[in-house]
Protein backbone atom coordinates (compact mmCIF):
# COMPACT_ATOMS: atom_id res chain seq x y z
CA MET A 1 -89.82 3.41 -6.80
CA LEU A 2 -88.63 -0.14 -6.15
CA LYS A 3 -90.70 -0.19 -2.95
CA TYR A 4 -93.90 0.66 -4.88
CA ARG A 5 -93.13 -1.92 -7.56
CA LEU A 6 -92.66 -4.59 -4.87
CA ILE A 7 -95.94 -3.63 -3.19
CA LEU A 8 -97.83 -3.76 -6.52
CA THR A 9 -96.33 -7.18 -7.28
CA LEU A 10 -97.41 -8.50 -3.87
CA ILE A 11 -100.94 -7.17 -4.35
CA ALA A 12 -101.18 -8.71 -7.83
CA ASN A 13 -100.01 -12.09 -6.48
CA LEU A 14 -102.51 -11.91 -3.62
CA LEU A 15 -105.38 -11.13 -6.01
CA PHE A 16 -104.35 -14.09 -8.19
CA VAL A 17 -104.40 -16.45 -5.19
CA ILE A 18 -107.80 -15.12 -4.07
CA LYS A 19 -109.22 -15.63 -7.58
CA ILE A 20 -108.04 -19.26 -7.62
CA SER A 21 -109.33 -20.12 -4.14
CA ALA A 22 -112.75 -18.45 -4.48
CA GLN A 23 -114.82 -20.64 -6.79
CA ASP A 24 -118.52 -20.25 -7.39
CA PHE A 25 -121.08 -23.05 -7.95
CA LYS A 26 -124.88 -23.16 -8.31
CA GLY A 27 -127.22 -26.02 -7.52
CA LYS A 28 -130.07 -27.38 -5.43
CA ALA A 29 -129.88 -27.96 -1.69
CA THR A 30 -131.97 -29.16 1.24
CA THR A 31 -131.67 -30.13 4.89
CA TYR A 32 -130.73 -33.65 5.93
CA PRO A 33 -133.58 -36.11 6.51
CA THR A 34 -134.55 -36.17 10.20
CA GLU A 35 -133.44 -39.80 10.59
CA ALA A 36 -129.87 -38.89 9.53
CA TYR A 37 -129.11 -36.98 12.74
CA GLY A 38 -126.97 -39.06 15.05
CA ASP A 39 -125.34 -40.92 12.15
CA THR A 40 -121.59 -40.75 11.61
CA THR A 41 -120.47 -38.47 8.76
CA SER A 42 -117.57 -39.11 6.37
CA SER A 43 -115.37 -37.02 8.68
CA GLY A 44 -116.13 -39.30 11.64
CA GLU A 45 -118.21 -36.59 13.35
CA ILE A 46 -121.71 -37.39 14.62
CA LEU A 47 -124.25 -35.44 12.54
CA ASN A 48 -125.75 -32.73 14.75
CA ALA A 49 -128.70 -30.58 13.61
CA LYS A 50 -127.45 -27.58 15.61
CA ILE A 51 -124.00 -27.23 13.98
CA LEU A 52 -123.35 -25.34 10.73
CA THR A 53 -122.15 -28.25 8.58
CA ALA A 54 -123.01 -29.68 5.16
CA SER A 55 -122.42 -32.54 2.77
CA HIS A 56 -121.14 -32.24 -0.78
CA GLU A 57 -120.21 -35.22 -2.92
CA TYR A 58 -116.87 -33.86 -4.15
CA PHE A 59 -115.74 -31.02 -1.85
CA PRO A 60 -112.97 -32.17 0.51
CA ILE A 61 -113.81 -32.60 4.20
CA GLY A 62 -113.04 -29.40 6.07
CA SER A 63 -113.74 -27.07 3.14
CA LEU A 64 -115.22 -23.75 4.24
CA ILE A 65 -118.05 -22.60 1.99
CA GLU A 66 -120.54 -19.76 1.84
CA VAL A 67 -124.10 -20.73 0.88
CA LEU A 68 -126.49 -18.14 -0.59
CA ASN A 69 -130.23 -18.82 -0.77
CA LEU A 70 -130.98 -17.40 -4.22
CA LYS A 71 -134.64 -16.76 -3.36
CA ASN A 72 -134.19 -14.52 -0.32
CA LYS A 73 -130.45 -13.66 -0.51
CA LYS A 74 -129.69 -15.03 2.99
CA ILE A 75 -126.07 -16.19 3.41
CA VAL A 76 -124.37 -18.58 5.84
CA GLN A 77 -120.89 -20.08 6.07
CA VAL A 78 -120.53 -23.80 6.76
CA ILE A 79 -117.91 -26.52 6.98
CA ILE A 80 -118.10 -29.59 4.75
CA ASN A 81 -118.01 -32.62 7.07
CA ASP A 82 -119.60 -35.27 4.84
CA ASN A 83 -119.37 -36.51 1.25
CA GLU A 84 -122.63 -38.43 0.94
CA VAL A 85 -125.65 -36.69 -0.57
CA SER A 86 -128.90 -38.70 -0.39
CA ASP A 87 -130.29 -37.55 -3.76
CA GLU A 88 -128.17 -37.34 -6.92
CA GLU A 89 -130.07 -34.21 -8.05
CA LEU A 90 -128.88 -32.32 -4.95
CA THR A 91 -125.64 -30.37 -4.89
CA LEU A 92 -125.66 -29.89 -1.13
CA GLU A 93 -127.33 -31.25 2.00
CA PHE A 94 -127.00 -29.38 5.27
CA THR A 95 -128.11 -29.31 8.88
CA GLU A 96 -131.24 -27.69 10.27
CA ALA A 97 -129.05 -24.90 11.69
CA VAL A 98 -127.98 -24.00 8.15
CA GLY A 99 -131.59 -24.20 6.92
CA HIS A 100 -132.66 -21.90 9.74
CA ALA A 101 -129.91 -19.38 8.88
CA LEU A 102 -131.05 -19.44 5.24
CA GLU A 103 -134.67 -18.96 6.39
CA MET A 104 -135.98 -21.96 4.48
CA LYS A 105 -138.73 -24.40 5.40
CA LYS A 106 -137.55 -27.75 6.70
CA HIS A 107 -136.85 -30.24 3.86
CA ASP A 108 -137.69 -27.76 1.08
CA ILE A 109 -135.36 -27.90 -1.91
CA ILE A 110 -133.90 -24.48 -2.67
CA ASP A 111 -131.64 -22.99 -5.33
CA VAL A 112 -128.27 -21.97 -3.89
CA ARG A 113 -125.01 -20.40 -4.91
CA ILE A 114 -121.96 -21.91 -3.21
CA LEU A 115 -118.73 -19.96 -2.86
CA VAL A 116 -115.71 -21.97 -1.75
CA ILE A 117 -113.72 -19.87 0.70
CA SER A 118 -111.07 -22.48 1.46
CA TRP A 119 -110.49 -26.06 0.34
CA GLY A 120 -109.65 -29.03 2.50
CA LYS A 121 -109.09 -29.47 6.19
CA THR A 122 -108.17 -25.87 7.00
CA ALA A 123 -111.06 -25.00 9.31
CA GLY A 124 -112.68 -28.37 9.80
CA ASN A 125 -110.41 -29.86 12.43
CA ILE A 126 -112.00 -27.98 15.31
CA ALA A 127 -115.51 -28.89 14.13
CA ILE A 128 -114.58 -32.54 13.73
CA ASN A 129 -113.02 -32.70 17.19
CA ALA A 130 -115.78 -30.75 18.97
CA LYS A 131 -117.79 -32.85 21.41
CA ARG A 132 -120.91 -30.65 21.31
CA GLU A 133 -122.10 -27.54 19.50
CA SER A 134 -121.27 -25.25 22.45
CA ASP A 135 -117.56 -26.21 22.18
CA PHE A 136 -117.06 -23.76 19.32
CA LYS A 137 -118.69 -20.98 17.34
CA LEU A 138 -118.32 -19.60 13.84
CA ASP A 139 -116.65 -16.21 13.69
CA PHE A 140 -117.93 -14.73 10.42
CA ARG A 141 -115.30 -11.99 10.40
CA LYS A 142 -112.35 -14.41 10.30
CA TYR A 143 -113.89 -17.20 8.18
CA ASP A 144 -112.70 -19.79 10.64
CA TYR A 145 -113.88 -21.67 13.66
CA VAL A 146 -112.73 -20.15 16.94
CA LYS A 147 -112.99 -21.36 20.51
CA PRO A 148 -115.22 -19.12 22.65
CA THR A 149 -113.71 -17.76 25.84
CA ASP A 150 -116.75 -18.80 27.87
CA SER A 151 -119.28 -21.07 26.17
CA LYS A 152 -121.99 -20.17 28.73
CA LYS A 153 -122.02 -16.55 27.48
CA ASN A 154 -122.93 -17.66 23.93
């Protein structure tokens, strides 16, 4: 009986932690302006159109978020690597790779739902230190960046 009570307590604590860490936001989003690629982001990384990254004014660098295009229900997970959004009416700006995954037209403004999976620099360190987009890939099953075994196979 004590074993079951302990297991139920652990499950309840885990659900409480998940509820705190998973926060949901809605807003407007678009891709970065073309001239922004090659600039240095707030994280120190060079902005690359082919990497799944985004900018949010208040989310900490390295936060892992899930972005849902409310129009077509396409979802993608991205790392926050910048804190400068070019238009105050935008909640999020992201790379062309993110726009492609969300199946949106370049530079359109779309309505999105943002789910924070993890706050801070938990998953961002690999992205920030990567020298090119083929140095890493996003593993959607683990919600974290992982190094590929052979980048030429990707």
